[in-house]
Amino acid sequence: MMRRRVFLLLMAIIVAIVFLASGFFIFTNRIKSESDAAPIKDAITEAATAGTIPTLETIGNPLAGMPEVNPVEKTNPFTDLYNNPFGD
């Protein structure tokens, strides 16, 4: 009975090691293949969109020349009447 338990335990350990090792190698190869595919993916994208998608120039901030207008400051006639004793 004891030999059977030891045999089953060793087989379970061996199976676990095989699964872990195969998972490790599959995972590391997948990472390498994804990093190798990046330049190819960019080249395919450039070839597929050449002449079909117009290039857009960046305009910048369209509100850069706008004056600072705060309607609350212009419409409140009571800004100078009350001073808060606990704050600024």
N, C-alpha and C. Protein backbone atom coordinates (compact mmCIF):
# COMPACT_ATOMS: atom_id res chain seq x y z
N MET A 1 0.82 -1.19 0.00
CA MET A 1 0.00 0.00 0.00
C MET A 1 0.87 1.26 0.00
N MET A 2 1.95 1.22 0.74
CA MET A 2 2.84 2.37 0.85
C MET A 2 3.54 2.64 -0.48
N ARG A 3 3.90 1.60 -1.20
CA ARG A 3 4.57 1.77 -2.48
C ARG A 3 3.63 2.43 -3.50
N ARG A 4 2.36 2.06 -3.42
CA ARG A 4 1.41 2.64 -4.35
C ARG A 4 1.24 4.13 -4.10
N ARG A 5 1.20 4.55 -2.82
CA ARG A 5 1.08 5.98 -2.48
C ARG A 5 2.30 6.76 -2.96
N VAL A 6 3.47 6.20 -2.74
CA VAL A 6 4.69 6.86 -3.17
C VAL A 6 4.72 6.97 -4.70
N PHE A 7 4.31 5.90 -5.37
CA PHE A 7 4.27 5.92 -6.83
C PHE A 7 3.29 6.98 -7.34
N LEU A 8 2.10 7.06 -6.77
CA LEU A 8 1.12 8.06 -7.18
C LEU A 8 1.60 9.48 -6.89
N LEU A 9 2.25 9.66 -5.76
CA LEU A 9 2.78 10.97 -5.41
C LEU A 9 3.88 11.39 -6.39
N LEU A 10 4.77 10.50 -6.72
CA LEU A 10 5.82 10.80 -7.68
C LEU A 10 5.24 11.09 -9.06
N MET A 11 4.25 10.34 -9.48
CA MET A 11 3.63 10.58 -10.78
C MET A 11 2.92 11.95 -10.80
N ALA A 12 2.27 12.31 -9.71
CA ALA A 12 1.61 13.61 -9.64
C ALA A 12 2.62 14.74 -9.70
N ILE A 13 3.75 14.58 -9.03
CA ILE A 13 4.81 15.60 -9.06
C ILE A 13 5.39 15.71 -10.45
N ILE A 14 5.62 14.59 -11.11
CA ILE A 14 6.18 14.61 -12.46
C ILE A 14 5.20 15.27 -13.44
N VAL A 15 3.93 14.94 -13.33
CA VAL A 15 2.92 15.56 -14.21
C VAL A 15 2.86 17.06 -13.97
N ALA A 16 2.91 17.50 -12.71
CA ALA A 16 2.87 18.92 -12.40
C ALA A 16 4.10 19.64 -12.97
N ILE A 17 5.26 19.02 -12.86
CA ILE A 17 6.48 19.63 -13.40
C ILE A 17 6.39 19.73 -14.92
N VAL A 18 5.86 18.71 -15.58
CA VAL A 18 5.71 18.74 -17.04
C VAL A 18 4.75 19.85 -17.44
N PHE A 19 3.62 19.99 -16.75
CA PHE A 19 2.67 21.06 -17.06
C PHE A 19 3.27 22.44 -16.84
N LEU A 20 3.99 22.62 -15.74
CA LEU A 20 4.60 23.91 -15.47
C LEU A 20 5.67 24.26 -16.50
N ALA A 21 6.48 23.28 -16.85
CA ALA A 21 7.54 23.53 -17.83
C ALA A 21 6.96 23.84 -19.21
N SER A 22 5.95 23.09 -19.63
CA SER A 22 5.35 23.36 -20.95
C SER A 22 4.65 24.71 -20.95
N GLY A 23 3.99 25.08 -19.87
CA GLY A 23 3.36 26.40 -19.78
C GLY A 23 4.38 27.51 -19.83
N PHE A 24 5.50 27.33 -19.17
CA PHE A 24 6.55 28.34 -19.18
C PHE A 24 7.10 28.54 -20.59
N PHE A 25 7.39 27.45 -21.29
CA PHE A 25 7.95 27.57 -22.64
C PHE A 25 6.93 28.15 -23.62
N ILE A 26 5.69 27.78 -23.51
CA ILE A 26 4.66 28.34 -24.39
C ILE A 26 4.51 29.83 -24.13
N PHE A 27 4.50 30.24 -22.86
CA PHE A 27 4.35 31.65 -22.51
C PHE A 27 5.53 32.48 -22.98
N THR A 28 6.74 31.99 -22.81
CA THR A 28 7.91 32.77 -23.24
C THR A 28 7.98 32.86 -24.76
N ASN A 29 7.59 31.82 -25.48
CA ASN A 29 7.59 31.88 -26.94
C ASN A 29 6.51 32.82 -27.45
N ARG A 30 5.38 32.91 -26.76
CA ARG A 30 4.32 33.81 -27.18
C ARG A 30 4.75 35.26 -27.03
N ILE A 31 5.45 35.58 -25.96
CA ILE A 31 5.94 36.95 -25.76
C ILE A 31 6.94 37.32 -26.84
N LYS A 32 7.83 36.41 -27.20
CA LYS A 32 8.82 36.67 -28.24
C LYS A 32 8.14 36.86 -29.59
N SER A 33 7.13 36.05 -29.89
CA SER A 33 6.48 36.17 -31.18
C SER A 33 5.68 37.46 -31.27
N GLU A 34 5.10 37.95 -30.17
CA GLU A 34 4.38 39.22 -30.19
C GLU A 34 5.34 40.38 -30.41
N SER A 35 6.53 40.34 -29.81
CA SER A 35 7.48 41.43 -30.00
C SER A 35 8.07 41.40 -31.41
N ASP A 36 8.19 40.23 -32.02
CA ASP A 36 8.67 40.13 -33.40
C ASP A 36 7.62 40.58 -34.39
N ALA A 37 6.35 40.51 -34.02
CA ALA A 37 5.27 40.83 -34.95
C ALA A 37 4.99 42.33 -35.02
N ALA A 38 5.50 43.13 -34.10
CA ALA A 38 5.19 44.56 -34.08
C ALA A 38 5.66 45.28 -35.35
N PRO A 39 6.91 45.10 -35.81
CA PRO A 39 7.31 45.79 -37.05
C PRO A 39 6.53 45.30 -38.27
N ILE A 40 6.21 44.04 -38.30
CA ILE A 40 5.44 43.49 -39.42
C ILE A 40 4.04 44.08 -39.42
N LYS A 41 3.45 44.20 -38.24
CA LYS A 41 2.11 44.76 -38.12
C LYS A 41 2.09 46.21 -38.58
N ASP A 42 3.10 46.98 -38.21
CA ASP A 42 3.17 48.38 -38.63
C ASP A 42 3.33 48.48 -40.15
N ALA A 43 4.14 47.62 -40.74
CA ALA A 43 4.34 47.65 -42.18
C ALA A 43 3.06 47.29 -42.92
N ILE A 44 2.33 46.32 -42.42
CA ILE A 44 1.07 45.92 -43.06
C ILE A 44 0.05 47.05 -42.95
N THR A 45 0.00 47.70 -41.80
CA THR A 45 -0.94 48.80 -41.62
C THR A 45 -0.61 49.96 -42.55
N GLU A 46 0.65 50.29 -42.67
CA GLU A 46 1.07 51.37 -43.57
C GLU A 46 0.72 51.03 -45.02
N ALA A 47 0.94 49.79 -45.42
CA ALA A 47 0.66 49.39 -46.80
C ALA A 47 -0.84 49.40 -47.07
N ALA A 48 -1.64 49.01 -46.10
CA ALA A 48 -3.08 48.93 -46.31
C ALA A 48 -3.72 50.31 -46.34
N THR A 49 -3.17 51.27 -45.61
CA THR A 49 -3.79 52.59 -45.53
C THR A 49 -3.10 53.62 -46.41
N ALA A 50 -2.16 53.22 -47.21
CA ALA A 50 -1.45 54.18 -48.06
C ALA A 50 -2.40 54.72 -49.12
N GLY A 51 -2.61 56.03 -49.10
CA GLY A 51 -3.45 56.67 -50.08
C GLY A 51 -4.94 56.62 -49.77
N THR A 52 -5.36 55.88 -48.77
CA THR A 52 -6.79 55.80 -48.47
C THR A 52 -7.19 56.71 -47.33
N ILE A 53 -6.33 56.89 -46.38
CA ILE A 53 -6.63 57.75 -45.24
C ILE A 53 -5.84 59.04 -45.38
N PRO A 54 -6.52 60.18 -45.40
CA PRO A 54 -5.78 61.44 -45.54
C PRO A 54 -5.01 61.76 -44.26
N THR A 55 -3.89 62.42 -44.42
CA THR A 55 -3.12 62.82 -43.25
C THR A 55 -3.74 64.09 -42.68
N LEU A 56 -3.81 64.19 -41.40
CA LEU A 56 -4.40 65.32 -40.72
C LEU A 56 -3.32 66.14 -40.04
N GLU A 57 -3.37 67.43 -40.22
CA GLU A 57 -2.43 68.29 -39.53
C GLU A 57 -3.02 68.66 -38.17
N THR A 58 -2.16 68.82 -37.20
CA THR A 58 -2.64 69.24 -35.90
C THR A 58 -2.88 70.74 -35.92
N ILE A 59 -4.01 71.13 -35.45
CA ILE A 59 -4.41 72.53 -35.50
C ILE A 59 -3.87 73.29 -34.29
N GLY A 60 -3.76 72.67 -33.19
CA GLY A 60 -3.36 73.35 -31.96
C GLY A 60 -4.60 73.70 -31.15
N ASN A 61 -4.49 74.68 -30.32
CA ASN A 61 -5.59 75.09 -29.48
C ASN A 61 -6.39 76.19 -30.19
N PRO A 62 -7.62 75.93 -30.59
CA PRO A 62 -8.38 76.96 -31.28
C PRO A 62 -8.84 78.08 -30.36
N LEU A 63 -8.82 77.88 -29.06
CA LEU A 63 -9.24 78.92 -28.11
C LEU A 63 -8.06 79.70 -27.54
N ALA A 64 -6.91 79.61 -28.15
CA ALA A 64 -5.74 80.31 -27.61
C ALA A 64 -5.89 81.83 -27.69
N GLY A 65 -6.57 82.35 -28.71
CA GLY A 65 -6.69 83.79 -28.86
C GLY A 65 -7.95 84.37 -28.23
N MET A 66 -8.74 83.57 -27.57
CA MET A 66 -10.00 84.04 -26.98
C MET A 66 -9.73 84.87 -25.73
N PRO A 67 -10.49 85.93 -25.51
CA PRO A 67 -10.30 86.72 -24.29
C PRO A 67 -10.88 85.99 -23.08
N GLU A 68 -10.33 86.27 -21.91
CA GLU A 68 -10.81 85.66 -20.68
C GLU A 68 -12.07 86.40 -20.24
N VAL A 69 -13.19 85.76 -20.35
CA VAL A 69 -14.46 86.38 -20.00
C VAL A 69 -15.15 85.47 -18.99
N ASN A 70 -15.35 85.99 -17.80
CA ASN A 70 -16.08 85.27 -16.78
C ASN A 70 -17.35 86.07 -16.49
N PRO A 71 -18.51 85.59 -16.90
CA PRO A 71 -19.73 86.37 -16.72
C PRO A 71 -20.10 86.56 -15.26
N VAL A 72 -19.66 85.71 -14.37
CA VAL A 72 -20.00 85.86 -12.96
C VAL A 72 -19.30 87.08 -12.37
N GLU A 73 -18.06 87.31 -12.73
CA GLU A 73 -17.34 88.46 -12.19
C GLU A 73 -17.93 89.79 -12.71
N LYS A 74 -18.46 89.79 -13.91
CA LYS A 74 -19.00 91.02 -14.48
C LYS A 74 -20.43 91.32 -13.99
N THR A 75 -21.18 90.31 -13.61
CA THR A 75 -22.58 90.53 -13.25
C THR A 75 -22.81 90.61 -11.75
N ASN A 76 -21.84 90.34 -10.93
CA ASN A 76 -22.03 90.36 -9.48
C ASN A 76 -21.66 91.74 -8.93
N PRO A 77 -22.65 92.56 -8.57
CA PRO A 77 -22.33 93.89 -8.05
C PRO A 77 -21.94 93.87 -6.57
N PHE A 78 -22.05 92.75 -5.88
CA PHE A 78 -21.81 92.70 -4.45
C PHE A 78 -20.46 92.12 -4.07
N THR A 79 -19.49 92.13 -4.96
CA THR A 79 -18.20 91.51 -4.65
C THR A 79 -17.41 92.30 -3.61
N ASP A 80 -17.55 93.60 -3.53
CA ASP A 80 -16.77 94.41 -2.60
C ASP A 80 -17.53 94.77 -1.33
N LEU A 81 -18.77 94.34 -1.16
CA LEU A 81 -19.56 94.74 -0.01
C LEU A 81 -19.30 93.90 1.23
N TYR A 82 -19.03 92.62 1.10
CA TYR A 82 -18.93 91.75 2.25
C TYR A 82 -17.53 91.16 2.31
N ASN A 83 -16.91 91.23 3.47
CA ASN A 83 -15.61 90.60 3.71
C ASN A 83 -15.80 89.46 4.68
N ASN A 84 -15.37 88.28 4.32
CA ASN A 84 -15.50 87.12 5.17
C ASN A 84 -14.46 87.19 6.29
N PRO A 85 -14.90 87.18 7.56
CA PRO A 85 -13.94 87.30 8.66
C PRO A 85 -13.09 86.04 8.88
N PHE A 86 -13.53 84.89 8.34
CA PHE A 86 -12.81 83.65 8.57
C PHE A 86 -11.91 83.23 7.41
N GLY A 87 -11.95 83.90 6.31
CA GLY A 87 -11.15 83.51 5.16
C GLY A 87 -10.51 84.73 4.52
N ASP A 88 -10.03 84.53 3.35
CA ASP A 88 -9.39 85.64 2.63
C ASP A 88 -10.38 86.66 2.15
